[in-house]
Amino acid sequence: FLIALAAQDSWGAVTEIYPGESFKA
């Protein structure tokens, strides 16, 4: 479990965008 958790944290960033924000950026 700890190994899987550590791997998940280093996977990458999660970004959320909403209408009005730049999809391209």
mmCIF file of all heavy atoms, coordinates in Angstrom:
data_MODEL
# 
_entry.id   MODEL 
# 
loop_
_atom_site.group_PDB 
_atom_site.id 
_atom_site.type_symbol 
_atom_site.label_atom_id 
_atom_site.label_alt_id 
_atom_site.label_comp_id 
_atom_site.label_asym_id 
_atom_site.label_entity_id 
_atom_site.label_seq_id 
_atom_site.pdbx_PDB_ins_code 
_atom_site.Cartn_x 
_atom_site.Cartn_y 
_atom_site.Cartn_z 
_atom_site.occupancy 
_atom_site.B_iso_or_equiv 
_atom_site.pdbx_formal_charge 
_atom_site.auth_seq_id 
_atom_site.auth_comp_id 
_atom_site.auth_asym_id 
_atom_site.auth_atom_id 
_atom_site.pdbx_PDB_model_num 
ATOM 1   N N   . PHE A 1 1  ? 0.833   -1.207 0.000   1.00 0.00 ? 1  PHE A N   1 
ATOM 2   C CA  . PHE A 1 1  ? 0.000   0.000  0.000   1.00 0.00 ? 1  PHE A CA  1 
ATOM 3   C C   . PHE A 1 1  ? 0.863   1.251  0.000   1.00 0.00 ? 1  PHE A C   1 
ATOM 4   O O   . PHE A 1 1  ? 0.607   2.197  -0.738  1.00 0.00 ? 1  PHE A O   1 
ATOM 5   C CB  . PHE A 1 1  ? -0.937  -0.017 1.216   1.00 0.00 ? 1  PHE A CB  1 
ATOM 6   C CG  . PHE A 1 1  ? -1.720  1.247  1.372   1.00 0.00 ? 1  PHE A CG  1 
ATOM 7   C CD1 . PHE A 1 1  ? -2.799  1.520  0.548   1.00 0.00 ? 1  PHE A CD1 1 
ATOM 8   C CD2 . PHE A 1 1  ? -1.376  2.184  2.330   1.00 0.00 ? 1  PHE A CD2 1 
ATOM 9   C CE1 . PHE A 1 1  ? -3.528  2.685  0.681   1.00 0.00 ? 1  PHE A CE1 1 
ATOM 10  C CE2 . PHE A 1 1  ? -2.084  3.357  2.479   1.00 0.00 ? 1  PHE A CE2 1 
ATOM 11  C CZ  . PHE A 1 1  ? -3.170  3.606  1.649   1.00 0.00 ? 1  PHE A CZ  1 
ATOM 12  N N   . LEU A 1 2  ? 1.899   1.282  0.823   1.00 0.00 ? 2  LEU A N   1 
ATOM 13  C CA  . LEU A 1 2  ? 2.773   2.453  0.906   1.00 0.00 ? 2  LEU A CA  1 
ATOM 14  C C   . LEU A 1 2  ? 3.537   2.686  -0.397  1.00 0.00 ? 2  LEU A C   1 
ATOM 15  O O   . LEU A 1 2  ? 3.709   3.829  -0.825  1.00 0.00 ? 2  LEU A O   1 
ATOM 16  C CB  . LEU A 1 2  ? 3.740   2.319  2.078   1.00 0.00 ? 2  LEU A CB  1 
ATOM 17  C CG  . LEU A 1 2  ? 3.096   2.391  3.466   1.00 0.00 ? 2  LEU A CG  1 
ATOM 18  C CD1 . LEU A 1 2  ? 4.128   2.111  4.556   1.00 0.00 ? 2  LEU A CD1 1 
ATOM 19  C CD2 . LEU A 1 2  ? 2.429   3.726  3.690   1.00 0.00 ? 2  LEU A CD2 1 
ATOM 20  N N   . ILE A 1 3  ? 3.955   1.625  -1.040  1.00 0.00 ? 3  ILE A N   1 
ATOM 21  C CA  . ILE A 1 3  ? 4.646   1.751  -2.327  1.00 0.00 ? 3  ILE A CA  1 
ATOM 22  C C   . ILE A 1 3  ? 3.689   2.301  -3.383  1.00 0.00 ? 3  ILE A C   1 
ATOM 23  O O   . ILE A 1 3  ? 4.042   3.201  -4.150  1.00 0.00 ? 3  ILE A O   1 
ATOM 24  C CB  . ILE A 1 3  ? 5.243   0.395  -2.769  1.00 0.00 ? 3  ILE A CB  1 
ATOM 25  C CG1 . ILE A 1 3  ? 6.419   0.034  -1.852  1.00 0.00 ? 3  ILE A CG1 1 
ATOM 26  C CG2 . ILE A 1 3  ? 5.676   0.435  -4.234  1.00 0.00 ? 3  ILE A CG2 1 
ATOM 27  C CD1 . ILE A 1 3  ? 6.942   -1.364 -2.039  1.00 0.00 ? 3  ILE A CD1 1 
ATOM 28  N N   . ALA A 1 4  ? 2.468   1.801  -3.419  1.00 0.00 ? 4  ALA A N   1 
ATOM 29  C CA  . ALA A 1 4  ? 1.478   2.291  -4.378  1.00 0.00 ? 4  ALA A CA  1 
ATOM 30  C C   . ALA A 1 4  ? 1.140   3.755  -4.118  1.00 0.00 ? 4  ALA A C   1 
ATOM 31  O O   . ALA A 1 4  ? 0.996   4.551  -5.047  1.00 0.00 ? 4  ALA A O   1 
ATOM 32  C CB  . ALA A 1 4  ? 0.213   1.439  -4.311  1.00 0.00 ? 4  ALA A CB  1 
ATOM 33  N N   . LEU A 1 5  ? 1.033   4.124  -2.857  1.00 0.00 ? 5  LEU A N   1 
ATOM 34  C CA  . LEU A 1 5  ? 0.735   5.502  -2.501  1.00 0.00 ? 5  LEU A CA  1 
ATOM 35  C C   . LEU A 1 5  ? 1.868   6.439  -2.923  1.00 0.00 ? 5  LEU A C   1 
ATOM 36  O O   . LEU A 1 5  ? 1.630   7.509  -3.471  1.00 0.00 ? 5  LEU A O   1 
ATOM 37  C CB  . LEU A 1 5  ? 0.490   5.619  -0.993  1.00 0.00 ? 5  LEU A CB  1 
ATOM 38  C CG  . LEU A 1 5  ? 0.039   6.969  -0.465  1.00 0.00 ? 5  LEU A CG  1 
ATOM 39  C CD1 . LEU A 1 5  ? -1.284  7.374  -1.093  1.00 0.00 ? 5  LEU A CD1 1 
ATOM 40  C CD2 . LEU A 1 5  ? -0.077  6.915  1.044   1.00 0.00 ? 5  LEU A CD2 1 
ATOM 41  N N   . ALA A 1 6  ? 3.094   6.033  -2.702  1.00 0.00 ? 6  ALA A N   1 
ATOM 42  C CA  . ALA A 1 6  ? 4.249   6.851  -3.101  1.00 0.00 ? 6  ALA A CA  1 
ATOM 43  C C   . ALA A 1 6  ? 4.307   7.007  -4.613  1.00 0.00 ? 6  ALA A C   1 
ATOM 44  O O   . ALA A 1 6  ? 4.590   8.086  -5.125  1.00 0.00 ? 6  ALA A O   1 
ATOM 45  C CB  . ALA A 1 6  ? 5.537   6.224  -2.572  1.00 0.00 ? 6  ALA A CB  1 
ATOM 46  N N   . ALA A 1 7  ? 4.003   5.965  -5.345  1.00 0.00 ? 7  ALA A N   1 
ATOM 47  C CA  . ALA A 1 7  ? 4.017   6.028  -6.808  1.00 0.00 ? 7  ALA A CA  1 
ATOM 48  C C   . ALA A 1 7  ? 2.920   6.961  -7.313  1.00 0.00 ? 7  ALA A C   1 
ATOM 49  O O   . ALA A 1 7  ? 3.114   7.709  -8.259  1.00 0.00 ? 7  ALA A O   1 
ATOM 50  C CB  . ALA A 1 7  ? 3.837   4.633  -7.395  1.00 0.00 ? 7  ALA A CB  1 
ATOM 51  N N   . GLN A 1 8  ? 1.771   6.937  -6.675  1.00 0.00 ? 8  GLN A N   1 
ATOM 52  C CA  . GLN A 1 8  ? 0.670   7.787  -7.085  1.00 0.00 ? 8  GLN A CA  1 
ATOM 53  C C   . GLN A 1 8  ? 1.019   9.256  -6.888  1.00 0.00 ? 8  GLN A C   1 
ATOM 54  O O   . GLN A 1 8  ? 0.723   10.092 -7.727  1.00 0.00 ? 8  GLN A O   1 
ATOM 55  C CB  . GLN A 1 8  ? -0.585  7.443  -6.289  1.00 0.00 ? 8  GLN A CB  1 
ATOM 56  C CG  . GLN A 1 8  ? -1.796  8.268  -6.685  1.00 0.00 ? 8  GLN A CG  1 
ATOM 57  C CD  . GLN A 1 8  ? -3.017  7.918  -5.866  1.00 0.00 ? 8  GLN A CD  1 
ATOM 58  O OE1 . GLN A 1 8  ? -2.924  7.236  -4.860  1.00 0.00 ? 8  GLN A OE1 1 
ATOM 59  N NE2 . GLN A 1 8  ? -4.157  8.389  -6.298  1.00 0.00 ? 8  GLN A NE2 1 
ATOM 60  N N   . ASP A 1 9  ? 1.647   9.600  -5.795  1.00 0.00 ? 9  ASP A N   1 
ATOM 61  C CA  . ASP A 1 9  ? 2.002   10.984 -5.517  1.00 0.00 ? 9  ASP A CA  1 
ATOM 62  C C   . ASP A 1 9  ? 3.007   11.538 -6.518  1.00 0.00 ? 9  ASP A C   1 
ATOM 63  O O   . ASP A 1 9  ? 3.021   12.724 -6.789  1.00 0.00 ? 9  ASP A O   1 
ATOM 64  C CB  . ASP A 1 9  ? 2.568   11.132 -4.098  1.00 0.00 ? 9  ASP A CB  1 
ATOM 65  C CG  . ASP A 1 9  ? 1.489   10.973 -3.040  1.00 0.00 ? 9  ASP A CG  1 
ATOM 66  O OD1 . ASP A 1 9  ? 0.293   11.085 -3.380  1.00 0.00 ? 9  ASP A OD1 1 
ATOM 67  O OD2 . ASP A 1 9  ? 1.843   10.739 -1.876  1.00 0.00 ? 9  ASP A OD2 1 
ATOM 68  N N   . SER A 1 10 ? 3.845   10.688 -7.072  1.00 0.00 ? 10 SER A N   1 
ATOM 69  C CA  . SER A 1 10 ? 4.859   11.166 -8.010  1.00 0.00 ? 10 SER A CA  1 
ATOM 70  C C   . SER A 1 10 ? 4.391   11.071 -9.462  1.00 0.00 ? 10 SER A C   1 
ATOM 71  O O   . SER A 1 10 ? 5.142   11.356 -10.366 1.00 0.00 ? 10 SER A O   1 
ATOM 72  C CB  . SER A 1 10 ? 6.144   10.357 -7.824  1.00 0.00 ? 10 SER A CB  1 
ATOM 73  O OG  . SER A 1 10 ? 5.919   9.003  -8.154  1.00 0.00 ? 10 SER A OG  1 
ATOM 74  N N   . TRP A 1 11 ? 3.161   10.656 -9.689  1.00 0.00 ? 11 TRP A N   1 
ATOM 75  C CA  . TRP A 1 11 ? 2.668   10.430 -11.041 1.00 0.00 ? 11 TRP A CA  1 
ATOM 76  C C   . TRP A 1 11 ? 2.606   11.719 -11.837 1.00 0.00 ? 11 TRP A C   1 
ATOM 77  O O   . TRP A 1 11 ? 3.106   11.807 -12.930 1.00 0.00 ? 11 TRP A O   1 
ATOM 78  C CB  . TRP A 1 11 ? 1.299   9.755  -10.976 1.00 0.00 ? 11 TRP A CB  1 
ATOM 79  C CG  . TRP A 1 11 ? 0.715   9.528  -12.319 1.00 0.00 ? 11 TRP A CG  1 
ATOM 80  C CD1 . TRP A 1 11 ? -0.317  10.204 -12.875 1.00 0.00 ? 11 TRP A CD1 1 
ATOM 81  C CD2 . TRP A 1 11 ? 1.123   8.575  -13.297 1.00 0.00 ? 11 TRP A CD2 1 
ATOM 82  N NE1 . TRP A 1 11 ? -0.586  9.738  -14.126 1.00 0.00 ? 11 TRP A NE1 1 
ATOM 83  C CE2 . TRP A 1 11 ? 0.283   8.734  -14.411 1.00 0.00 ? 11 TRP A CE2 1 
ATOM 84  C CE3 . TRP A 1 11 ? 2.109   7.618  -13.342 1.00 0.00 ? 11 TRP A CE3 1 
ATOM 85  C CZ2 . TRP A 1 11 ? 0.416   7.948  -15.559 1.00 0.00 ? 11 TRP A CZ2 1 
ATOM 86  C CZ3 . TRP A 1 11 ? 2.229   6.845  -14.484 1.00 0.00 ? 11 TRP A CZ3 1 
ATOM 87  C CH2 . TRP A 1 11 ? 1.389   7.011  -15.565 1.00 0.00 ? 11 TRP A CH2 1 
ATOM 88  N N   . GLY A 1 12 ? 1.963   12.732 -11.343 1.00 0.00 ? 12 GLY A N   1 
ATOM 89  C CA  . GLY A 1 12 ? 1.864   13.986 -12.073 1.00 0.00 ? 12 GLY A CA  1 
ATOM 90  C C   . GLY A 1 12 ? 0.813   14.893 -11.465 1.00 0.00 ? 12 GLY A C   1 
ATOM 91  O O   . GLY A 1 12 ? 0.084   14.511 -10.569 1.00 0.00 ? 12 GLY A O   1 
ATOM 92  N N   . ALA A 1 13 ? 0.743   16.084 -11.991 1.00 0.00 ? 13 ALA A N   1 
ATOM 93  C CA  . ALA A 1 13 ? -0.194  17.080 -11.467 1.00 0.00 ? 13 ALA A CA  1 
ATOM 94  C C   . ALA A 1 13 ? -1.587  16.871 -12.059 1.00 0.00 ? 13 ALA A C   1 
ATOM 95  O O   . ALA A 1 13 ? -1.731  16.405 -13.179 1.00 0.00 ? 13 ALA A O   1 
ATOM 96  C CB  . ALA A 1 13 ? 0.301   18.477 -11.819 1.00 0.00 ? 13 ALA A CB  1 
ATOM 97  N N   . VAL A 1 14 ? -2.595  17.231 -11.272 1.00 0.00 ? 14 VAL A N   1 
ATOM 98  C CA  . VAL A 1 14 ? -3.979  17.224 -11.740 1.00 0.00 ? 14 VAL A CA  1 
ATOM 99  C C   . VAL A 1 14 ? -4.446  18.675 -11.754 1.00 0.00 ? 14 VAL A C   1 
ATOM 100 O O   . VAL A 1 14 ? -4.391  19.360 -10.738 1.00 0.00 ? 14 VAL A O   1 
ATOM 101 C CB  . VAL A 1 14 ? -4.893  16.372 -10.828 1.00 0.00 ? 14 VAL A CB  1 
ATOM 102 C CG1 . VAL A 1 14 ? -6.346  16.472 -11.281 1.00 0.00 ? 14 VAL A CG1 1 
ATOM 103 C CG2 . VAL A 1 14 ? -4.430  14.927 -10.805 1.00 0.00 ? 14 VAL A CG2 1 
ATOM 104 N N   . THR A 1 15 ? -4.872  19.145 -12.930 1.00 0.00 ? 15 THR A N   1 
ATOM 105 C CA  . THR A 1 15 ? -5.339  20.511 -13.100 1.00 0.00 ? 15 THR A CA  1 
ATOM 106 C C   . THR A 1 15 ? -6.793  20.474 -13.536 1.00 0.00 ? 15 THR A C   1 
ATOM 107 O O   . THR A 1 15 ? -7.165  19.668 -14.390 1.00 0.00 ? 15 THR A O   1 
ATOM 108 C CB  . THR A 1 15 ? -4.504  21.237 -14.184 1.00 0.00 ? 15 THR A CB  1 
ATOM 109 O OG1 . THR A 1 15 ? -3.133  21.210 -13.803 1.00 0.00 ? 15 THR A OG1 1 
ATOM 110 C CG2 . THR A 1 15 ? -4.955  22.673 -14.358 1.00 0.00 ? 15 THR A CG2 1 
ATOM 111 N N   . GLU A 1 16 ? -7.615  21.332 -12.950 1.00 0.00 ? 16 GLU A N   1 
ATOM 112 C CA  . GLU A 1 16 ? -9.014  21.447 -13.349 1.00 0.00 ? 16 GLU A CA  1 
ATOM 113 C C   . GLU A 1 16 ? -9.235  22.842 -13.932 1.00 0.00 ? 16 GLU A C   1 
ATOM 114 O O   . GLU A 1 16 ? -8.726  23.822 -13.395 1.00 0.00 ? 16 GLU A O   1 
ATOM 115 C CB  . GLU A 1 16 ? -9.940  21.233 -12.160 1.00 0.00 ? 16 GLU A CB  1 
ATOM 116 C CG  . GLU A 1 16 ? -9.826  19.837 -11.581 1.00 0.00 ? 16 GLU A CG  1 
ATOM 117 C CD  . GLU A 1 16 ? -10.901 19.535 -10.554 1.00 0.00 ? 16 GLU A CD  1 
ATOM 118 O OE1 . GLU A 1 16 ? -12.093 19.857 -10.807 1.00 0.00 ? 16 GLU A OE1 1 
ATOM 119 O OE2 . GLU A 1 16 ? -10.557 18.982 -9.507  1.00 0.00 ? 16 GLU A OE2 1 
ATOM 120 N N   . ILE A 1 17 ? -9.987  22.900 -15.039 1.00 0.00 ? 17 ILE A N   1 
ATOM 121 C CA  . ILE A 1 17 ? -10.322 24.204 -15.602 1.00 0.00 ? 17 ILE A CA  1 
ATOM 122 C C   . ILE A 1 17 ? -11.838 24.331 -15.712 1.00 0.00 ? 17 ILE A C   1 
ATOM 123 O O   . ILE A 1 17 ? -12.554 23.339 -15.835 1.00 0.00 ? 17 ILE A O   1 
ATOM 124 C CB  . ILE A 1 17 ? -9.647  24.477 -16.961 1.00 0.00 ? 17 ILE A CB  1 
ATOM 125 C CG1 . ILE A 1 17 ? -10.059 23.462 -18.019 1.00 0.00 ? 17 ILE A CG1 1 
ATOM 126 C CG2 . ILE A 1 17 ? -8.148  24.535 -16.819 1.00 0.00 ? 17 ILE A CG2 1 
ATOM 127 C CD1 . ILE A 1 17 ? -9.624  23.848 -19.421 1.00 0.00 ? 17 ILE A CD1 1 
ATOM 128 N N   . TYR A 1 18 ? -12.285 25.585 -15.690 1.00 0.00 ? 18 TYR A N   1 
ATOM 129 C CA  . TYR A 1 18 ? -13.703 25.921 -15.720 1.00 0.00 ? 18 TYR A CA  1 
ATOM 130 C C   . TYR A 1 18 ? -13.941 26.924 -16.839 1.00 0.00 ? 18 TYR A C   1 
ATOM 131 O O   . TYR A 1 18 ? -13.018 27.609 -17.273 1.00 0.00 ? 18 TYR A O   1 
ATOM 132 C CB  . TYR A 1 18 ? -14.120 26.517 -14.365 1.00 0.00 ? 18 TYR A CB  1 
ATOM 133 C CG  . TYR A 1 18 ? -13.934 25.554 -13.211 1.00 0.00 ? 18 TYR A CG  1 
ATOM 134 C CD1 . TYR A 1 18 ? -12.705 25.436 -12.563 1.00 0.00 ? 18 TYR A CD1 1 
ATOM 135 C CD2 . TYR A 1 18 ? -14.983 24.756 -12.792 1.00 0.00 ? 18 TYR A CD2 1 
ATOM 136 C CE1 . TYR A 1 18 ? -12.533 24.537 -11.520 1.00 0.00 ? 18 TYR A CE1 1 
ATOM 137 C CE2 . TYR A 1 18 ? -14.826 23.860 -11.745 1.00 0.00 ? 18 TYR A CE2 1 
ATOM 138 C CZ  . TYR A 1 18 ? -13.594 23.748 -11.113 1.00 0.00 ? 18 TYR A CZ  1 
ATOM 139 O OH  . TYR A 1 18 ? -13.423 22.860 -10.083 1.00 0.00 ? 18 TYR A OH  1 
ATOM 140 N N   . PRO A 1 19 ? -15.214 27.036 -17.308 1.00 0.00 ? 19 PRO A N   1 
ATOM 141 C CA  . PRO A 1 19 ? -15.524 28.014 -18.351 1.00 0.00 ? 19 PRO A CA  1 
ATOM 142 C C   . PRO A 1 19 ? -14.983 29.395 -17.980 1.00 0.00 ? 19 PRO A C   1 
ATOM 143 O O   . PRO A 1 19 ? -15.026 29.802 -16.823 1.00 0.00 ? 19 PRO A O   1 
ATOM 144 C CB  . PRO A 1 19 ? -17.056 28.014 -18.402 1.00 0.00 ? 19 PRO A CB  1 
ATOM 145 C CG  . PRO A 1 19 ? -17.423 26.631 -17.949 1.00 0.00 ? 19 PRO A CG  1 
ATOM 146 C CD  . PRO A 1 19 ? -16.405 26.291 -16.893 1.00 0.00 ? 19 PRO A CD  1 
ATOM 147 N N   . GLY A 1 20 ? -14.456 30.075 -18.982 1.00 0.00 ? 20 GLY A N   1 
ATOM 148 C CA  . GLY A 1 20 ? -13.861 31.385 -18.759 1.00 0.00 ? 20 GLY A CA  1 
ATOM 149 C C   . GLY A 1 20 ? -12.352 31.319 -18.628 1.00 0.00 ? 20 GLY A C   1 
ATOM 150 O O   . GLY A 1 20 ? -11.654 32.316 -18.776 1.00 0.00 ? 20 GLY A O   1 
ATOM 151 N N   . GLU A 1 21 ? -11.827 30.127 -18.335 1.00 0.00 ? 21 GLU A N   1 
ATOM 152 C CA  . GLU A 1 21 ? -10.377 29.948 -18.260 1.00 0.00 ? 21 GLU A CA  1 
ATOM 153 C C   . GLU A 1 21 ? -9.871  29.498 -19.628 1.00 0.00 ? 21 GLU A C   1 
ATOM 154 O O   . GLU A 1 21 ? -10.637 29.025 -20.464 1.00 0.00 ? 21 GLU A O   1 
ATOM 155 C CB  . GLU A 1 21 ? -10.020 28.922 -17.177 1.00 0.00 ? 21 GLU A CB  1 
ATOM 156 C CG  . GLU A 1 21 ? -10.424 29.353 -15.793 1.00 0.00 ? 21 GLU A CG  1 
ATOM 157 C CD  . GLU A 1 21 ? -10.104 28.330 -14.719 1.00 0.00 ? 21 GLU A CD  1 
ATOM 158 O OE1 . GLU A 1 21 ? -9.673  27.211 -15.036 1.00 0.00 ? 21 GLU A OE1 1 
ATOM 159 O OE2 . GLU A 1 21 ? -10.292 28.670 -13.552 1.00 0.00 ? 21 GLU A OE2 1 
ATOM 160 N N   . SER A 1 22 ? -8.593  29.626 -19.851 1.00 0.00 ? 22 SER A N   1 
ATOM 161 C CA  . SER A 1 22 ? -8.001  29.287 -21.140 1.00 0.00 ? 22 SER A CA  1 
ATOM 162 C C   . SER A 1 22 ? -7.684  27.792 -21.238 1.00 0.00 ? 22 SER A C   1 
ATOM 163 O O   . SER A 1 22 ? -6.819  27.281 -20.522 1.00 0.00 ? 22 SER A O   1 
ATOM 164 C CB  . SER A 1 22 ? -6.724  30.091 -21.373 1.00 0.00 ? 22 SER A CB  1 
ATOM 165 O OG  . SER A 1 22 ? -6.084  29.658 -22.556 1.00 0.00 ? 22 SER A OG  1 
ATOM 166 N N   . PHE A 1 23 ? -8.375  27.115 -22.160 1.00 0.00 ? 23 PHE A N   1 
ATOM 167 C CA  . PHE A 1 23 ? -8.097  25.709 -22.419 1.00 0.00 ? 23 PHE A CA  1 
ATOM 168 C C   . PHE A 1 23 ? -6.692  25.560 -22.979 1.00 0.00 ? 23 PHE A C   1 
ATOM 169 O O   . PHE A 1 23 ? -5.932  24.682 -22.587 1.00 0.00 ? 23 PHE A O   1 
ATOM 170 C CB  . PHE A 1 23 ? -9.135  25.139 -23.393 1.00 0.00 ? 23 PHE A CB  1 
ATOM 171 C CG  . PHE A 1 23 ? -8.892  23.705 -23.766 1.00 0.00 ? 23 PHE A CG  1 
ATOM 172 C CD1 . PHE A 1 23 ? -9.270  22.691 -22.912 1.00 0.00 ? 23 PHE A CD1 1 
ATOM 173 C CD2 . PHE A 1 23 ? -8.281  23.376 -24.959 1.00 0.00 ? 23 PHE A CD2 1 
ATOM 174 C CE1 . PHE A 1 23 ? -9.045  21.356 -23.249 1.00 0.00 ? 23 PHE A CE1 1 
ATOM 175 C CE2 . PHE A 1 23 ? -8.056  22.053 -25.308 1.00 0.00 ? 23 PHE A CE2 1 
ATOM 176 C CZ  . PHE A 1 23 ? -8.435  21.042 -24.445 1.00 0.00 ? 23 PHE A CZ  1 
ATOM 177 N N   . LYS A 1 24 ? -6.342  26.448 -23.899 1.00 0.00 ? 24 LYS A N   1 
ATOM 178 C CA  . LYS A 1 24 ? -5.027  26.391 -24.546 1.00 0.00 ? 24 LYS A CA  1 
ATOM 179 C C   . LYS A 1 24 ? -3.903  26.514 -23.525 1.00 0.00 ? 24 LYS A C   1 
ATOM 180 O O   . LYS A 1 24 ? -2.951  25.734 -23.531 1.00 0.00 ? 24 LYS A O   1 
ATOM 181 C CB  . LYS A 1 24 ? -4.904  27.490 -25.596 1.00 0.00 ? 24 LYS A CB  1 
ATOM 182 C CG  . LYS A 1 24 ? -3.592  27.490 -26.326 1.00 0.00 ? 24 LYS A CG  1 
ATOM 183 C CD  . LYS A 1 24 ? -3.519  28.600 -27.351 1.00 0.00 ? 24 LYS A CD  1 
ATOM 184 C CE  . LYS A 1 24 ? -2.156  28.565 -28.017 1.00 0.00 ? 24 LYS A CE  1 
ATOM 185 N NZ  . LYS A 1 24 ? -1.969  29.640 -28.961 1.00 0.00 ? 24 LYS A NZ  1 
ATOM 186 N N   . ALA A 1 25 ? -4.005  27.487 -22.630 1.00 0.00 ? 25 ALA A N   1 
ATOM 187 C CA  . ALA A 1 25 ? -2.965  27.676 -21.609 1.00 0.00 ? 25 ALA A CA  1 
ATOM 188 C C   . ALA A 1 25 ? -2.866  26.464 -20.689 1.00 0.00 ? 25 ALA A C   1 
ATOM 189 O O   . ALA A 1 25 ? -1.768  26.046 -20.321 1.00 0.00 ? 25 ALA A O   1 
ATOM 190 C CB  . ALA A 1 25 ? -3.247  28.934 -20.790 1.00 0.00 ? 25 ALA A CB  1 
# 
